[in-house]
């Protein structure tokens, strides 16, 4: 059974480290969202097949992040608008992701407000 977006306001959080998961998860929960944190892209794809998300936050650290975004664009699906998190050293590469599938890129480090208020 798929989750009811209007009641649950699910947000997919992909590959954030455990501290960021907790902080971002707490921040989102305090604003009425239900974060679904996954540590791998495979887990994220499984979550997408079983739920509809109001938006997704994807940490692109690692080489397979761009492939994951390309897959989301090719397959479509209920990931919602996509916010990509990227380190300053990768920001030039990450800006190219906007044309792939991302709706917004947030430079790390960032405040939690930057990921939700933009």
PDB file of N, CA and C in Angstrom:
ATOM      1  N   UNK A   1       0.836  -1.171   0.000  1.00  0.00           N
ATOM      2  CA  UNK A   1       0.000   0.000   0.000  1.00  0.00           C
ATOM      3  C   UNK A   1       0.889   1.245   0.000  1.00  0.00           C
ATOM      4  N   UNK A   2       0.566   2.191  -0.841  1.00  0.00           N
ATOM      5  CA  UNK A   2       1.350   3.420  -0.924  1.00  0.00           C
ATOM      6  C   UNK A   2       0.916   4.395   0.163  1.00  0.00           C
ATOM      7  N   UNK A   3       1.877   5.191   0.643  1.00  0.00           N
ATOM      8  CA  UNK A   3       1.603   6.156   1.704  1.00  0.00           C
ATOM      9  C   UNK A   3       0.748   7.297   1.168  1.00  0.00           C
ATOM     10  N   UNK A   4      -0.114   7.833   2.004  1.00  0.00           N
ATOM     11  CA  UNK A   4      -0.952   8.973   1.654  1.00  0.00           C
ATOM     12  C   UNK A   4      -0.153  10.252   1.877  1.00  0.00           C
ATOM     13  N   UNK A   5       0.245  10.902   0.779  1.00  0.00           N
ATOM     14  CA  UNK A   5       1.089  12.095   0.843  1.00  0.00           C
ATOM     15  C   UNK A   5       0.419  13.216   1.617  1.00  0.00           C
ATOM     16  N   UNK A   6      -0.885  13.366   1.484  1.00  0.00           N
ATOM     17  CA  UNK A   6      -1.548  14.490   2.129  1.00  0.00           C
ATOM     18  C   UNK A   6      -1.529  14.364   3.638  1.00  0.00           C
ATOM     19  N   UNK A   7      -1.454  13.169   4.162  1.00  0.00           N
ATOM     20  CA  UNK A   7      -1.401  12.996   5.606  1.00  0.00           C
ATOM     21  C   UNK A   7       0.032  12.885   6.107  1.00  0.00           C
ATOM     22  N   UNK A   8       0.882  12.176   5.396  1.00  0.00           N
ATOM     23  CA  UNK A   8       2.208  11.860   5.897  1.00  0.00           C
ATOM     24  C   UNK A   8       3.283  12.868   5.515  1.00  0.00           C
ATOM     25  N   UNK A   9       3.117  13.588   4.421  1.00  0.00           N
ATOM     26  CA  UNK A   9       4.124  14.540   3.963  1.00  0.00           C
ATOM     27  C   UNK A   9       5.515  13.923   4.030  1.00  0.00           C
ATOM     28  N   UNK A  10       5.694  12.818   3.338  1.00  0.00           N
ATOM     29  CA  UNK A  10       6.964  12.090   3.342  1.00  0.00           C
ATOM     30  C   UNK A  10       8.056  12.847   2.606  1.00  0.00           C
ATOM     31  N   UNK A  11       9.258  12.839   3.190  1.00  0.00           N
ATOM     32  CA  UNK A  11      10.441  13.427   2.572  1.00  0.00           C
ATOM     33  C   UNK A  11      11.515  12.350   2.545  1.00  0.00           C
ATOM     34  N   UNK A  12      12.065  12.099   1.369  1.00  0.00           N
ATOM     35  CA  UNK A  12      13.146  11.134   1.224  1.00  0.00           C
ATOM     36  C   UNK A  12      14.482  11.830   1.463  1.00  0.00           C
ATOM     37  N   UNK A  13      15.294  11.281   2.373  1.00  0.00           N
ATOM     38  CA  UNK A  13      16.642  11.786   2.649  1.00  0.00           C
ATOM     39  C   UNK A  13      17.607  10.671   2.272  1.00  0.00           C
ATOM     40  N   UNK A  14      18.479  10.933   1.292  1.00  0.00           N
ATOM     41  CA  UNK A  14      19.340   9.896   0.733  1.00  0.00           C
ATOM     42  C   UNK A  14      20.804  10.160   1.022  1.00  0.00           C
ATOM     43  N   UNK A  15      21.457   9.190   1.651  1.00  0.00           N
ATOM     44  CA  UNK A  15      22.902   9.136   1.859  1.00  0.00           C
ATOM     45  C   UNK A  15      23.484  10.240   2.717  1.00  0.00           C
ATOM     46  N   UNK A  16      22.696  10.850   3.552  1.00  0.00           N
ATOM     47  CA  UNK A  16      23.274  11.801   4.498  1.00  0.00           C
ATOM     48  C   UNK A  16      23.949  10.993   5.598  1.00  0.00           C
ATOM     49  N   UNK A  17      24.984  11.559   6.215  1.00  0.00           N
ATOM     50  CA  UNK A  17      25.617  10.834   7.309  1.00  0.00           C
ATOM     51  C   UNK A  17      24.669  10.790   8.506  1.00  0.00           C
ATOM     52  N   UNK A  18      24.983   9.975   9.505  1.00  0.00           N
ATOM     53  CA  UNK A  18      24.049   9.744  10.608  1.00  0.00           C
ATOM     54  C   UNK A  18      23.739  11.012  11.397  1.00  0.00           C
ATOM     55  N   UNK A  19      24.718  11.893  11.570  1.00  0.00           N
ATOM     56  CA  UNK A  19      24.462  13.137  12.295  1.00  0.00           C
ATOM     57  C   UNK A  19      23.524  14.025  11.486  1.00  0.00           C
ATOM     58  N   UNK A  20      23.789  14.134  10.173  1.00  0.00           N
ATOM     59  CA  UNK A  20      22.918  14.940   9.330  1.00  0.00           C
ATOM     60  C   UNK A  20      21.523  14.329   9.271  1.00  0.00           C
ATOM     61  N   UNK A  21      21.437  12.993   9.190  1.00  0.00           N
ATOM     62  CA  UNK A  21      20.132  12.324   9.203  1.00  0.00           C
ATOM     63  C   UNK A  21      19.321  12.773  10.406  1.00  0.00           C
ATOM     64  N   UNK A  22      19.961  12.722  11.584  1.00  0.00           N
ATOM     65  CA  UNK A  22      19.247  13.088  12.818  1.00  0.00           C
ATOM     66  C   UNK A  22      18.843  14.557  12.807  1.00  0.00           C
ATOM     67  N   UNK A  23      19.781  15.435  12.481  1.00  0.00           N
ATOM     68  CA  UNK A  23      19.494  16.874  12.495  1.00  0.00           C
ATOM     69  C   UNK A  23      18.444  17.254  11.460  1.00  0.00           C
ATOM     70  N   UNK A  24      18.646  16.806  10.239  1.00  0.00           N
ATOM     71  CA  UNK A  24      17.702  17.124   9.179  1.00  0.00           C
ATOM     72  C   UNK A  24      16.362  16.443   9.439  1.00  0.00           C
ATOM     73  N   UNK A  25      16.407  15.188   9.922  1.00  0.00           N
ATOM     74  CA  UNK A  25      15.182  14.470  10.254  1.00  0.00           C
ATOM     75  C   UNK A  25      14.387  15.175  11.336  1.00  0.00           C
ATOM     76  N   UNK A  26      15.068  15.615  12.396  1.00  0.00           N
ATOM     77  CA  UNK A  26      14.398  16.346  13.479  1.00  0.00           C
ATOM     78  C   UNK A  26      13.815  17.660  12.976  1.00  0.00           C
ATOM     79  N   UNK A  27      14.594  18.369  12.151  1.00  0.00           N
ATOM     80  CA  UNK A  27      14.136  19.647  11.595  1.00  0.00           C
ATOM     81  C   UNK A  27      12.876  19.447  10.749  1.00  0.00           C
ATOM     82  N   UNK A  28      12.900  18.440   9.884  1.00  0.00           N
ATOM     83  CA  UNK A  28      11.742  18.172   9.027  1.00  0.00           C
ATOM     84  C   UNK A  28      10.532  17.735   9.847  1.00  0.00           C
ATOM     85  N   UNK A  29      10.752  16.857  10.819  1.00  0.00           N
ATOM     86  CA  UNK A  29       9.654  16.364  11.658  1.00  0.00           C
ATOM     87  C   UNK A  29       9.004  17.505  12.435  1.00  0.00           C
ATOM     88  N   UNK A  30       9.807  18.454  12.907  1.00  0.00           N
ATOM     89  CA  UNK A  30       9.271  19.591  13.653  1.00  0.00           C
ATOM     90  C   UNK A  30       8.385  20.471  12.777  1.00  0.00           C
ATOM     91  N   UNK A  31       8.531  20.341  11.466  1.00  0.00           N
ATOM     92  CA  UNK A  31       7.731  21.131  10.528  1.00  0.00           C
ATOM     93  C   UNK A  31       6.625  20.307   9.868  1.00  0.00           C
ATOM     94  N   UNK A  32       6.331  19.147  10.466  1.00  0.00           N
ATOM     95  CA  UNK A  32       5.204  18.349   9.995  1.00  0.00           C
ATOM     96  C   UNK A  32       5.519  17.336   8.913  1.00  0.00           C
ATOM     97  N   UNK A  33       6.781  17.181   8.546  1.00  0.00           N
ATOM     98  CA  UNK A  33       7.175  16.196   7.537  1.00  0.00           C
ATOM     99  C   UNK A  33       7.547  14.882   8.218  1.00  0.00           C
ATOM    100  N   UNK A  34       7.480  13.807   7.465  1.00  0.00           N
ATOM    101  CA  UNK A  34       7.927  12.506   7.940  1.00  0.00           C
ATOM    102  C   UNK A  34       9.144  12.107   7.113  1.00  0.00           C
ATOM    103  N   UNK A  35      10.366  12.245   7.681  1.00  0.00           N
ATOM    104  CA  UNK A  35      11.560  11.889   6.905  1.00  0.00           C
ATOM    105  C   UNK A  35      11.730  10.378   6.799  1.00  0.00           C
ATOM    106  N   UNK A  36      12.104   9.939   5.623  1.00  0.00           N
ATOM    107  CA  UNK A  36      12.464   8.545   5.380  1.00  0.00           C
ATOM    108  C   UNK A  36      13.932   8.570   4.985  1.00  0.00           C
ATOM    109  N   UNK A  37      14.810   8.160   5.907  1.00  0.00           N
ATOM    110  CA  UNK A  37      16.259   8.244   5.681  1.00  0.00           C
ATOM    111  C   UNK A  37      16.787   6.921   5.142  1.00  0.00           C
ATOM    112  N   UNK A  38      17.523   6.998   4.038  1.00  0.00           N
ATOM    113  CA  UNK A  38      18.129   5.811   3.442  1.00  0.00           C
ATOM    114  C   UNK A  38      19.629   6.043   3.344  1.00  0.00           C
ATOM    115  N   UNK A  39      20.388   4.973   3.486  1.00  0.00           N
ATOM    116  CA  UNK A  39      21.845   5.130   3.463  1.00  0.00           C
ATOM    117  C   UNK A  39      22.455   4.747   2.120  1.00  0.00           C
ATOM    118  N   UNK A  40      21.685   4.143   1.243  1.00  0.00           N
ATOM    119  CA  UNK A  40      22.192   3.774  -0.082  1.00  0.00           C
ATOM    120  C   UNK A  40      21.180   4.185  -1.144  1.00  0.00           C
ATOM    121  N   UNK A  41      21.664   4.280  -2.373  1.00  0.00           N
ATOM    122  CA  UNK A  41      20.768   4.606  -3.470  1.00  0.00           C
ATOM    123  C   UNK A  41      19.796   3.458  -3.733  1.00  0.00           C
ATOM    124  N   UNK A  42      20.226   2.216  -3.501  1.00  0.00           N
ATOM    125  CA  UNK A  42      19.326   1.063  -3.676  1.00  0.00           C
ATOM    126  C   UNK A  42      18.159   1.153  -2.698  1.00  0.00           C
ATOM    127  N   UNK A  43      18.448   1.518  -1.438  1.00  0.00           N
ATOM    128  CA  UNK A  43      17.377   1.687  -0.458  1.00  0.00           C
ATOM    129  C   UNK A  43      16.442   2.827  -0.877  1.00  0.00           C
ATOM    130  N   UNK A  44      17.010   3.892  -1.421  1.00  0.00           N
ATOM    131  CA  UNK A  44      16.199   5.021  -1.865  1.00  0.00           C
ATOM    132  C   UNK A  44      15.268   4.606  -3.000  1.00  0.00           C
ATOM    133  N   UNK A  45      15.788   3.850  -3.960  1.00  0.00           N
ATOM    134  CA  UNK A  45      14.945   3.382  -5.062  1.00  0.00           C
ATOM    135  C   UNK A  45      13.823   2.493  -4.559  1.00  0.00           C
ATOM    136  N   UNK A  46      14.121   1.637  -3.580  1.00  0.00           N
ATOM    137  CA  UNK A  46      13.079   0.786  -2.995  1.00  0.00           C
ATOM    138  C   UNK A  46      12.023   1.641  -2.303  1.00  0.00           C
ATOM    139  N   UNK A  47      12.454   2.672  -1.581  1.00  0.00           N
ATOM    140  CA  UNK A  47      11.507   3.549  -0.894  1.00  0.00           C
ATOM    141  C   UNK A  47      10.613   4.279  -1.895  1.00  0.00           C
ATOM    142  N   UNK A  48      11.194   4.687  -3.020  1.00  0.00           N
ATOM    143  CA  UNK A  48      10.432   5.406  -4.039  1.00  0.00           C
ATOM    144  C   UNK A  48       9.371   4.502  -4.666  1.00  0.00           C
ATOM    145  N   UNK A  49       9.659   3.217  -4.796  1.00  0.00           N
ATOM    146  CA  UNK A  49       8.673   2.323  -5.402  1.00  0.00           C
ATOM    147  C   UNK A  49       7.488   2.056  -4.479  1.00  0.00           C
ATOM    148  N   UNK A  50       7.648   2.330  -3.183  1.00  0.00           N
ATOM    149  CA  UNK A  50       6.582   2.049  -2.223  1.00  0.00           C
ATOM    150  C   UNK A  50       5.916   3.287  -1.638  1.00  0.00           C
ATOM    151  N   UNK A  51       6.402   4.470  -1.975  1.00  0.00           N
ATOM    152  CA  UNK A  51       5.885   5.702  -1.385  1.00  0.00           C
ATOM    153  C   UNK A  51       5.875   6.833  -2.396  1.00  0.00           C
ATOM    154  N   UNK A  52       5.138   7.883  -2.078  1.00  0.00           N
ATOM    155  CA  UNK A  52       5.179   9.133  -2.830  1.00  0.00           C
ATOM    156  C   UNK A  52       5.730  10.200  -1.889  1.00  0.00           C
ATOM    157  N   UNK A  53       6.739  10.915  -2.343  1.00  0.00           N
ATOM    158  CA  UNK A  53       7.409  11.902  -1.505  1.00  0.00           C
ATOM    159  C   UNK A  53       7.069  13.317  -1.958  1.00  0.00           C
ATOM    160  N   UNK A  54       6.922  14.234  -0.997  1.00  0.00           N
ATOM    161  CA  UNK A  54       6.658  15.628  -1.355  1.00  0.00           C
ATOM    162  C   UNK A  54       7.921  16.299  -1.870  1.00  0.00           C
ATOM    163  N   UNK A  55       9.083  15.853  -1.398  1.00  0.00           N
ATOM    164  CA  UNK A  55      10.368  16.225  -1.974  1.00  0.00           C
ATOM    165  C   UNK A  55      11.431  15.272  -1.463  1.00  0.00           C
ATOM    166  N   UNK A  56      12.606  15.325  -2.100  1.00  0.00           N
ATOM    167  CA  UNK A  56      13.726  14.469  -1.723  1.00  0.00           C
ATOM    168  C   UNK A  56      14.971  15.310  -1.522  1.00  0.00           C
ATOM    169  N   UNK A  57      15.794  14.914  -0.538  1.00  0.00           N
ATOM    170  CA  UNK A  57      17.083  15.556  -0.272  1.00  0.00           C
ATOM    171  C   UNK A  57      18.145  14.498  -0.509  1.00  0.00           C
ATOM    172  N   UNK A  58      19.044  14.755  -1.468  1.00  0.00           N
ATOM    173  CA  UNK A  58      20.036  13.751  -1.860  1.00  0.00           C
ATOM    174  C   UNK A  58      21.435  14.311  -1.660  1.00  0.00           C
ATOM    175  N   UNK A  59      22.240  13.597  -0.865  1.00  0.00           N
ATOM    176  CA  UNK A  59      23.634  13.960  -0.637  1.00  0.00           C
ATOM    177  C   UNK A  59      24.458  13.320  -1.745  1.00  0.00           C
ATOM    178  N   UNK A  60      25.092  14.126  -2.569  1.00  0.00           N
ATOM    179  CA  UNK A  60      25.811  13.606  -3.736  1.00  0.00           C
ATOM    180  C   UNK A  60      27.249  13.207  -3.465  1.00  0.00           C
ATOM    181  N   UNK A  61      27.692  13.204  -2.217  1.00  0.00           N
ATOM    182  CA  UNK A  61      29.054  12.746  -1.965  1.00  0.00           C
ATOM    183  C   UNK A  61      29.164  11.299  -2.411  1.00  0.00           C
ATOM    184  N   UNK A  62      30.134  11.036  -3.235  1.00  0.00           N
ATOM    185  CA  UNK A  62      30.269   9.701  -3.815  1.00  0.00           C
ATOM    186  C   UNK A  62      30.073   9.777  -5.312  1.00  0.00           C
ATOM    187  N   UNK A  63      30.615   8.825  -6.005  1.00  0.00           N
ATOM    188  CA  UNK A  63      30.613   8.884  -7.466  1.00  0.00           C
ATOM    189  C   UNK A  63      29.316   8.419  -8.099  1.00  0.00           C
ATOM    190  N   UNK A  64      28.488   7.666  -7.379  1.00  0.00           N
ATOM    191  CA  UNK A  64      27.288   7.126  -7.989  1.00  0.00           C
ATOM    192  C   UNK A  64      26.082   8.046  -7.866  1.00  0.00           C
ATOM    193  N   UNK A  65      26.236   9.218  -7.261  1.00  0.00           N
ATOM    194  CA  UNK A  65      25.128  10.141  -7.097  1.00  0.00           C
ATOM    195  C   UNK A  65      24.558  10.639  -8.406  1.00  0.00           C
ATOM    196  N   UNK A  66      25.432  10.968  -9.348  1.00  0.00           N
ATOM    197  CA  UNK A  66      24.954  11.439 -10.644  1.00  0.00           C
ATOM    198  C   UNK A  66      24.215  10.341 -11.395  1.00  0.00           C
ATOM    199  N   UNK A  67      24.691   9.103 -11.275  1.00  0.00           N
ATOM    200  CA  UNK A  67      23.988   7.980 -11.897  1.00  0.00           C
ATOM    201  C   UNK A  67      22.606   7.813 -11.285  1.00  0.00           C
ATOM    202  N   UNK A  68      22.514   7.989  -9.982  1.00  0.00           N
ATOM    203  CA  UNK A  68      21.228   7.890  -9.294  1.00  0.00           C
ATOM    204  C   UNK A  68      20.263   8.950  -9.817  1.00  0.00           C
ATOM    205  N   UNK A  69      20.738  10.192  -9.959  1.00  0.00           N
ATOM    206  CA  UNK A  69      19.890  11.258 -10.492  1.00  0.00           C
ATOM    207  C   UNK A  69      19.457  10.966 -11.927  1.00  0.00           C
ATOM    208  N   UNK A  70      20.386  10.462 -12.734  1.00  0.00           N
ATOM    209  CA  UNK A  70      20.040  10.111 -14.110  1.00  0.00           C
ATOM    210  C   UNK A  70      18.964   9.031 -14.128  1.00  0.00           C
ATOM    211  N   UNK A  71      19.077   8.056 -13.230  1.00  0.00           N
ATOM    212  CA  UNK A  71      18.079   6.996 -13.140  1.00  0.00           C
ATOM    213  C   UNK A  71      16.708   7.569 -12.756  1.00  0.00           C
ATOM    214  N   UNK A  72      16.688   8.478 -11.780  1.00  0.00           N
ATOM    215  CA  UNK A  72      15.420   9.090 -11.380  1.00  0.00           C
ATOM    216  C   UNK A  72      14.772   9.823 -12.551  1.00  0.00           C
ATOM    217  N   UNK A  73      15.593  10.541 -13.318  1.00  0.00           N
ATOM    218  CA  UNK A  73      15.040  11.281 -14.456  1.00  0.00           C
ATOM    219  C   UNK A  73      14.517  10.320 -15.519  1.00  0.00           C
ATOM    220  N   UNK A  74      15.267   9.272 -15.793  1.00  0.00           N
ATOM    221  CA  UNK A  74      14.861   8.309 -16.824  1.00  0.00           C
ATOM    222  C   UNK A  74      13.605   7.548 -16.420  1.00  0.00           C
ATOM    223  N   UNK A  75      13.528   7.157 -15.156  1.00  0.00           N
ATOM    224  CA  UNK A  75      12.413   6.347 -14.684  1.00  0.00           C
ATOM    225  C   UNK A  75      11.225   7.174 -14.228  1.00  0.00           C
ATOM    226  N   UNK A  76      11.476   8.440 -13.905  1.00  0.00           N
ATOM    227  CA  UNK A  76      10.401   9.249 -13.343  1.00  0.00           C
ATOM    228  C   UNK A  76      10.060   8.725 -11.961  1.00  0.00           C
ATOM    229  N   UNK A  77       8.873   8.965 -11.509  1.00  0.00           N
ATOM    230  CA  UNK A  77       8.453   8.406 -10.242  1.00  0.00           C
ATOM    231  C   UNK A  77       8.159   9.439  -9.183  1.00  0.00           C
ATOM    232  N   UNK A  78       7.775   8.942  -8.039  1.00  0.00           N
ATOM    233  CA  UNK A  78       7.250   9.795  -6.979  1.00  0.00           C
ATOM    234  C   UNK A  78       8.299  10.346  -6.010  1.00  0.00           C
ATOM    235  N   UNK A  79       9.447  10.783  -6.519  1.00  0.00           N
ATOM    236  CA  UNK A  79      10.477  11.336  -5.638  1.00  0.00           C
ATOM    237  C   UNK A  79      10.190  12.780  -5.268  1.00  0.00           C
ATOM    238  N   UNK A  80       9.292  13.431  -6.000  1.00  0.00           N
ATOM    239  CA  UNK A  80       9.009  14.844  -5.758  1.00  0.00           C
ATOM    240  C   UNK A  80      10.167  15.697  -6.230  1.00  0.00           C
ATOM    241  N   UNK A  81      10.095  17.011  -5.990  1.00  0.00           N
ATOM    242  CA  UNK A  81      11.217  17.875  -6.320  1.00  0.00           C
ATOM    243  C   UNK A  81      12.477  17.398  -5.591  1.00  0.00           C
ATOM    244  N   UNK A  82      13.624  17.551  -6.228  1.00  0.00           N
ATOM    245  CA  UNK A  82      14.870  17.017  -5.676  1.00  0.00           C
ATOM    246  C   UNK A  82      15.807  18.147  -5.287  1.00  0.00           C
ATOM    247  N   UNK A  83      16.250  18.108  -4.018  1.00  0.00           N
ATOM    248  CA  UNK A  83      17.251  19.039  -3.504  1.00  0.00           C
ATOM    249  C   UNK A  83      18.545  18.251  -3.362  1.00  0.00           C
ATOM    250  N   UNK A  84      19.597  18.714  -3.993  1.00  0.00           N
ATOM    251  CA  UNK A  84      20.894  18.045  -3.945  1.00  0.00           C
ATOM    252  C   UNK A  84      21.810  18.788  -2.984  1.00  0.00           C
ATOM    253  N   UNK A  85      22.483  18.031  -2.122  1.00  0.00           N
ATOM    254  CA  UNK A  85      23.484  18.591  -1.208  1.00  0.00           C
ATOM    255  C   UNK A  85      24.861  18.292  -1.786  1.00  0.00           C
ATOM    256  N   UNK A  86      25.738  19.297  -1.839  1.00  0.00           N
ATOM    257  CA  UNK A  86      27.077  19.084  -2.403  1.00  0.00           C
ATOM    258  C   UNK A  86      28.107  19.923  -1.673  1.00  0.00           C
ATOM    259  N   UNK A  87      29.297  19.353  -1.528  1.00  0.00           N
ATOM    260  CA  UNK A  87      30.413  20.087  -0.920  1.00  0.00           C
ATOM    261  C   UNK A  87      30.879  21.168  -1.886  1.00  0.00           C
ATOM    262  N   UNK A  88      31.443  22.216  -1.318  1.00  0.00           N
ATOM    263  CA  UNK A  88      31.925  23.328  -2.127  1.00  0.00           C
ATOM    264  C   UNK A  88      32.891  22.903  -3.205  1.00  0.00           C
ATOM    265  N   UNK A  89      33.730  21.897  -2.920  1.00  0.00           N
ATOM    266  CA  UNK A  89      34.715  21.458  -3.900  1.00  0.00           C
ATOM    267  C   UNK A  89      34.060  20.757  -5.094  1.00  0.00           C
ATOM    268  N   UNK A  90      32.823  20.324  -4.930  1.00  0.00           N
ATOM    269  CA  UNK A  90      32.117  19.631  -6.019  1.00  0.00           C
ATOM    270  C   UNK A  90      31.001  20.477  -6.611  1.00  0.00           C
ATOM    271  N   UNK A  91      30.917  21.735  -6.217  1.00  0.00           N
ATOM    272  CA  UNK A  91      29.769  22.533  -6.620  1.00  0.00           C
ATOM    273  C   UNK A  91      29.710  22.736  -8.131  1.00  0.00           C
ATOM    274  N   UNK A  92      30.859  22.915  -8.800  1.00  0.00           N
ATOM    275  CA  UNK A  92      30.837  23.099 -10.258  1.00  0.00           C
ATOM    276  C   UNK A  92      30.264  21.862 -10.942  1.00  0.00           C
ATOM    277  N   UNK A  93      30.719  20.684 -10.520  1.00  0.00           N
ATOM    278  CA  UNK A  93      30.186  19.438 -11.073  1.00  0.00           C
ATOM    279  C   UNK A  93      28.704  19.309 -10.761  1.00  0.00           C
ATOM    280  N   UNK A  94      28.331  19.700  -9.550  1.00  0.00           N
ATOM    281  CA  UNK A  94      26.964  19.527  -9.109  1.00  0.00           C
ATOM    282  C   UNK A  94      25.999  20.441  -9.849  1.00  0.00           C
ATOM    283  N   UNK A  95      26.460  21.627 -10.226  1.00  0.00           N
ATOM    284  CA  UNK A  95      25.573  22.522 -10.963  1.00  0.00           C
ATOM    285  C   UNK A  95      25.088  21.870 -12.252  1.00  0.00           C
ATOM    286  N   UNK A  96      25.892  20.988 -12.808  1.00  0.00           N
ATOM    287  CA  UNK A  96      25.458  20.243 -13.984  1.00  0.00           C
ATOM    288  C   UNK A  96      24.288  19.317 -13.697  1.00  0.00           C
ATOM    289  N   UNK A  97      24.087  18.956 -12.426  1.00  0.00           N
ATOM    290  CA  UNK A  97      22.977  18.069 -12.084  1.00  0.00           C
ATOM    291  C   UNK A  97      21.631  18.748 -12.234  1.00  0.00           C
ATOM    292  N   UNK A  98      21.622  20.067 -12.214  1.00  0.00           N
ATOM    293  CA  UNK A  98      20.348  20.754 -12.386  1.00  0.00           C
ATOM    294  C   UNK A  98      19.707  20.375 -13.708  1.00  0.00           C
ATOM    295  N   UNK A  99      20.521  20.196 -14.742  1.00  0.00           N
ATOM    296  CA  UNK A  99      19.968  19.816 -16.034  1.00  0.00           C
ATOM    297  C   UNK A  99      19.590  18.333 -16.069  1.00  0.00           C
ATOM    298  N   UNK A 100      20.105  17.545 -15.117  1.00  0.00           N
ATOM    299  CA  UNK A 100      19.764  16.124 -15.070  1.00  0.00           C
ATOM    300  C   UNK A 100      18.419  15.896 -14.397  1.00  0.00           C
ATOM    301  N   UNK A 101      18.344  16.206 -13.104  1.00  0.00           N
ATOM    302  CA  UNK A 101      17.116  15.913 -12.391  1.00  0.00           C
ATOM    303  C   UNK A 101      16.892  16.763 -11.156  1.00  0.00           C
ATOM    304  N   UNK A 102      17.903  17.470 -10.708  1.00  0.00           N
ATOM    305  CA  UNK A 102      17.767  18.233  -9.465  1.00  0.00           C
ATOM    306  C   UNK A 102      17.000  19.522  -9.695  1.00  0.00           C
ATOM    307  N   UNK A 103      16.201  19.876  -8.711  1.00  0.00           N
ATOM    308  CA  UNK A 103      15.470  21.138  -8.766  1.00  0.00           C
ATOM    309  C   UNK A 103      16.238  22.259  -8.079  1.00  0.00           C
ATOM    310  N   UNK A 104      17.129  21.875  -7.156  1.00  0.00           N
ATOM    311  CA  UNK A 104      17.891  22.876  -6.413  1.00  0.00           C
ATOM    312  C   UNK A 104      19.163  22.231  -5.873  1.00  0.00           C
ATOM    313  N   UNK A 105      20.251  23.011  -5.815  1.00  0.00           N
ATOM    314  CA  UNK A 105      21.502  22.535  -5.238  1.00  0.00           C
ATOM    315  C   UNK A 105      21.807  23.392  -4.015  1.00  0.00           C
ATOM    316  N   UNK A 106      22.104  22.734  -2.888  1.00  0.00           N
ATOM    317  CA  UNK A 106      22.475  23.419  -1.645  1.00  0.00           C
ATOM    318  C   UNK A 106      23.926  23.068  -1.346  1.00  0.00           C
ATOM    319  N   UNK A 107      24.725  24.093  -1.158  1.00  0.00           N
ATOM    320  CA  UNK A 107      26.146  23.898  -0.871  1.00  0.00           C
ATOM    321  C   UNK A 107      26.345  23.533   0.596  1.00  0.00           C
ATOM    322  N   UNK A 108      27.171  22.506   0.837  1.00  0.00           N
ATOM    323  CA  UNK A 108      27.502  22.108   2.207  1.00  0.00           C
ATOM    324  C   UNK A 108      28.774  22.827   2.623  1.00  0.00           C
ATOM    325  N   UNK A 109      28.916  23.192   3.872  1.00  0.00           N
ATOM    326  CA  UNK A 109      27.921  23.043   4.927  1.00  0.00           C
ATOM    327  C   UNK A 109      26.781  24.033   4.731  1.00  0.00           C
ATOM    328  N   UNK A 110      25.644  23.721   5.329  1.00  0.00           N
ATOM    329  CA  UNK A 110      24.454  24.535   5.175  1.00  0.00           C
ATOM    330  C   UNK A 110      23.668  24.509   6.476  1.00  0.00           C
ATOM    331  N   UNK A 111      22.698  25.404   6.576  1.00  0.00           N
ATOM    332  CA  UNK A 111      21.771  25.339   7.694  1.00  0.00           C
ATOM    333  C   UNK A 111      20.556  24.553   7.226  1.00  0.00           C
ATOM    334  N   UNK A 112      19.874  23.937   8.138  1.00  0.00           N
ATOM    335  CA  UNK A 112      18.673  23.167   7.778  1.00  0.00           C
ATOM    336  C   UNK A 112      17.645  24.050   7.080  1.00  0.00           C
ATOM    337  N   UNK A 113      17.566  25.318   7.464  1.00  0.00           N
ATOM    338  CA  UNK A 113      16.624  26.224   6.821  1.00  0.00           C
ATOM    339  C   UNK A 113      16.905  26.370   5.334  1.00  0.00           C
ATOM    340  N   UNK A 114      18.158  26.301   4.932  1.00  0.00           N
ATOM    341  CA  UNK A 114      18.510  26.439   3.519  1.00  0.00           C
ATOM    342  C   UNK A 114      17.921  25.315   2.700  1.00  0.00           C
ATOM    343  N   UNK A 115      17.804  24.117   3.265  1.00  0.00           N
ATOM    344  CA  UNK A 115      17.307  22.978   2.489  1.00  0.00           C
ATOM    345  C   UNK A 115      15.799  22.969   2.368  1.00  0.00           C
ATOM    346  N   UNK A 116      15.089  23.617   3.269  1.00  0.00           N
ATOM    347  CA  UNK A 116      13.633  23.587   3.235  1.00  0.00           C
ATOM    348  C   UNK A 116      13.056  24.903   2.763  1.00  0.00           C
ATOM    349  N   UNK A 117      13.698  26.010   3.081  1.00  0.00           N
ATOM    350  CA  UNK A 117      13.141  27.329   2.768  1.00  0.00           C
ATOM    351  C   UNK A 117      13.406  27.773   1.337  1.00  0.00           C
ATOM    352  N   UNK A 118      14.229  27.022   0.581  1.00  0.00           N
ATOM    353  CA  UNK A 118      14.552  27.473  -0.773  1.00  0.00           C
ATOM    354  C   UNK A 118      13.592  26.931  -1.782  1.00  0.00           C
TER     355      UNK A 118
END
